[in-house]
């Protein structure tokens, strides 16, 4: 459920760039960015709810993986 859209784009950008800088390719980087944005919008807050790498990877794994 969406609670707050603030920070969704920033979270996507951070996740996407994380993957891209590490050479993951466009698809995997976009999946990581989407996961970061999806997690942020389910929280009542913004920067203080930015997910950790482990939280994002657990979320991605629960949705079919990269």
N, C-alpha and C. Protein backbone atom coordinates (compact mmCIF):
# COMPACT_ATOMS: atom_id res chain seq x y z
N UNK A 1 0.84 -1.17 0.00
CA UNK A 1 0.00 0.00 0.00
C UNK A 1 0.89 1.24 0.00
N UNK A 2 0.50 2.22 -0.77
CA UNK A 2 1.27 3.46 -0.88
C UNK A 2 0.85 4.42 0.24
N UNK A 3 1.83 4.88 0.99
CA UNK A 3 1.58 5.84 2.06
C UNK A 3 2.13 7.21 1.75
N UNK A 4 3.20 7.29 0.97
CA UNK A 4 3.89 8.55 0.77
C UNK A 4 4.75 8.43 -0.49
N UNK A 5 4.61 9.36 -1.42
CA UNK A 5 5.39 9.27 -2.66
C UNK A 5 6.70 10.06 -2.59
N UNK A 6 6.90 10.81 -1.53
CA UNK A 6 8.13 11.61 -1.41
C UNK A 6 9.35 10.70 -1.32
N UNK A 7 10.32 10.98 -2.14
CA UNK A 7 11.56 10.22 -2.11
C UNK A 7 11.60 9.02 -3.03
N UNK A 8 10.48 8.72 -3.70
CA UNK A 8 10.45 7.54 -4.58
C UNK A 8 11.44 7.68 -5.74
N UNK A 9 11.48 8.84 -6.35
CA UNK A 9 12.40 9.07 -7.47
C UNK A 9 13.85 9.06 -7.02
N UNK A 10 14.10 9.66 -5.88
CA UNK A 10 15.46 9.67 -5.33
C UNK A 10 15.92 8.25 -5.02
N UNK A 11 15.03 7.47 -4.42
CA UNK A 11 15.38 6.09 -4.09
C UNK A 11 15.62 5.27 -5.36
N UNK A 12 14.77 5.48 -6.38
CA UNK A 12 14.99 4.79 -7.65
C UNK A 12 16.36 5.16 -8.21
N UNK A 13 16.66 6.45 -8.25
CA UNK A 13 17.94 6.91 -8.79
C UNK A 13 19.12 6.31 -8.05
N UNK A 14 19.03 6.27 -6.74
CA UNK A 14 20.12 5.70 -5.94
C UNK A 14 20.31 4.22 -6.24
N UNK A 15 19.21 3.49 -6.29
CA UNK A 15 19.30 2.05 -6.57
C UNK A 15 19.80 1.78 -7.98
N UNK A 16 19.27 2.54 -8.95
CA UNK A 16 19.69 2.35 -10.33
C UNK A 16 21.18 2.63 -10.49
N UNK A 17 21.63 3.75 -9.95
CA UNK A 17 23.05 4.10 -10.07
C UNK A 17 23.95 3.11 -9.34
N UNK A 18 23.50 2.60 -8.22
CA UNK A 18 24.27 1.58 -7.50
C UNK A 18 24.54 0.40 -8.42
N UNK A 19 23.50 -0.11 -9.05
CA UNK A 19 23.66 -1.24 -9.96
C UNK A 19 24.47 -0.90 -11.19
N UNK A 20 24.20 0.26 -11.77
CA UNK A 20 24.88 0.66 -13.01
C UNK A 20 26.38 0.83 -12.80
N UNK A 21 26.76 1.48 -11.71
CA UNK A 21 28.18 1.70 -11.41
C UNK A 21 28.91 0.38 -11.20
N UNK A 22 28.19 -0.61 -10.72
CA UNK A 22 28.79 -1.93 -10.50
C UNK A 22 28.71 -2.83 -11.73
N UNK A 23 28.24 -2.28 -12.85
CA UNK A 23 28.23 -3.02 -14.09
C UNK A 23 27.13 -4.05 -14.22
N UNK A 24 26.02 -3.85 -13.52
CA UNK A 24 24.94 -4.83 -13.53
C UNK A 24 24.12 -4.81 -14.82
N UNK A 25 24.26 -3.81 -15.63
CA UNK A 25 23.45 -3.70 -16.84
C UNK A 25 22.15 -2.97 -16.56
N UNK A 26 21.48 -2.58 -17.64
CA UNK A 26 20.28 -1.76 -17.52
C UNK A 26 19.14 -2.47 -16.79
N UNK A 27 18.87 -3.71 -17.15
CA UNK A 27 17.73 -4.43 -16.58
C UNK A 27 17.86 -4.62 -15.07
N UNK A 28 18.99 -5.16 -14.63
CA UNK A 28 19.18 -5.41 -13.20
C UNK A 28 19.24 -4.11 -12.42
N UNK A 29 19.86 -3.10 -13.00
CA UNK A 29 19.94 -1.80 -12.33
C UNK A 29 18.55 -1.19 -12.17
N UNK A 30 17.73 -1.30 -13.21
CA UNK A 30 16.36 -0.78 -13.14
C UNK A 30 15.53 -1.55 -12.12
N UNK A 31 15.71 -2.86 -12.05
CA UNK A 31 14.99 -3.66 -11.05
C UNK A 31 15.38 -3.22 -9.63
N UNK A 32 16.67 -2.98 -9.43
CA UNK A 32 17.12 -2.52 -8.12
C UNK A 32 16.53 -1.16 -7.80
N UNK A 33 16.57 -0.24 -8.76
CA UNK A 33 15.98 1.08 -8.56
C UNK A 33 14.50 1.02 -8.26
N UNK A 34 13.78 0.21 -9.02
CA UNK A 34 12.33 0.06 -8.79
C UNK A 34 12.05 -0.48 -7.40
N UNK A 35 12.84 -1.43 -6.96
CA UNK A 35 12.65 -2.00 -5.62
C UNK A 35 12.88 -0.94 -4.55
N UNK A 36 13.91 -0.14 -4.71
CA UNK A 36 14.18 0.93 -3.73
C UNK A 36 13.01 1.91 -3.66
N UNK A 37 12.52 2.33 -4.82
CA UNK A 37 11.38 3.24 -4.85
C UNK A 37 10.12 2.61 -4.26
N UNK A 38 9.89 1.34 -4.56
CA UNK A 38 8.71 0.65 -4.06
C UNK A 38 8.72 0.55 -2.54
N UNK A 39 9.88 0.30 -1.98
CA UNK A 39 9.98 0.19 -0.52
C UNK A 39 9.72 1.55 0.13
N UNK A 40 10.30 2.61 -0.42
CA UNK A 40 10.16 3.94 0.17
C UNK A 40 8.70 4.39 0.21
N UNK A 41 7.92 4.12 -0.83
CA UNK A 41 6.53 4.60 -0.85
C UNK A 41 5.62 3.86 0.12
N UNK A 42 6.09 2.76 0.67
CA UNK A 42 5.26 2.03 1.64
C UNK A 42 5.52 2.48 3.08
N UNK A 43 6.32 3.53 3.25
CA UNK A 43 6.67 4.02 4.58
C UNK A 43 6.11 5.42 4.80
N UNK A 44 5.88 5.79 6.06
CA UNK A 44 5.47 7.15 6.41
C UNK A 44 6.72 7.97 6.68
N UNK A 45 7.38 8.40 5.66
CA UNK A 45 8.59 9.17 5.80
C UNK A 45 9.35 9.16 4.50
N UNK A 46 10.55 9.67 4.54
CA UNK A 46 11.32 9.77 3.30
C UNK A 46 12.74 9.25 3.56
N UNK A 47 13.68 10.15 3.72
CA UNK A 47 15.09 9.76 3.82
C UNK A 47 15.36 8.82 4.99
N UNK A 48 14.66 9.00 6.08
CA UNK A 48 14.91 8.14 7.24
C UNK A 48 14.38 6.73 7.04
N UNK A 49 13.69 6.47 5.93
CA UNK A 49 13.19 5.13 5.63
C UNK A 49 13.84 4.54 4.39
N UNK A 50 14.97 5.10 3.98
CA UNK A 50 15.69 4.54 2.85
C UNK A 50 16.16 3.14 3.22
N UNK A 51 15.84 2.14 2.39
CA UNK A 51 16.17 0.75 2.75
C UNK A 51 17.67 0.46 2.63
N UNK A 52 18.12 -0.50 3.39
CA UNK A 52 19.50 -0.96 3.28
C UNK A 52 19.61 -1.92 2.09
N UNK A 53 20.83 -2.22 1.72
CA UNK A 53 21.06 -3.16 0.62
C UNK A 53 20.40 -4.51 0.91
N UNK A 54 20.57 -5.01 2.12
CA UNK A 54 19.99 -6.30 2.49
C UNK A 54 18.46 -6.28 2.44
N UNK A 55 17.85 -5.18 2.87
CA UNK A 55 16.40 -5.07 2.81
C UNK A 55 15.91 -5.07 1.36
N UNK A 56 16.62 -4.36 0.50
CA UNK A 56 16.23 -4.30 -0.91
C UNK A 56 16.38 -5.66 -1.56
N UNK A 57 17.47 -6.34 -1.29
CA UNK A 57 17.69 -7.65 -1.91
C UNK A 57 16.66 -8.67 -1.42
N UNK A 58 16.28 -8.60 -0.15
CA UNK A 58 15.24 -9.50 0.37
C UNK A 58 13.91 -9.21 -0.32
N UNK A 59 13.61 -7.93 -0.52
CA UNK A 59 12.38 -7.55 -1.22
C UNK A 59 12.40 -8.07 -2.66
N UNK A 60 13.51 -7.87 -3.34
CA UNK A 60 13.64 -8.34 -4.73
C UNK A 60 13.50 -9.86 -4.80
N UNK A 61 14.14 -10.55 -3.89
CA UNK A 61 14.04 -12.02 -3.88
C UNK A 61 12.60 -12.48 -3.68
N UNK A 62 11.85 -11.75 -2.86
CA UNK A 62 10.45 -12.12 -2.63
C UNK A 62 9.55 -11.84 -3.83
N UNK A 63 10.07 -11.04 -4.78
CA UNK A 63 9.31 -10.69 -5.98
C UNK A 63 9.85 -11.35 -7.24
N UNK A 64 10.68 -12.36 -7.10
CA UNK A 64 11.18 -13.08 -8.27
C UNK A 64 12.65 -12.88 -8.57
N UNK A 65 13.34 -12.06 -7.80
CA UNK A 65 14.77 -11.88 -7.98
C UNK A 65 15.13 -10.92 -9.09
N UNK A 66 16.43 -10.72 -9.25
CA UNK A 66 16.91 -9.83 -10.30
C UNK A 66 16.87 -10.59 -11.61
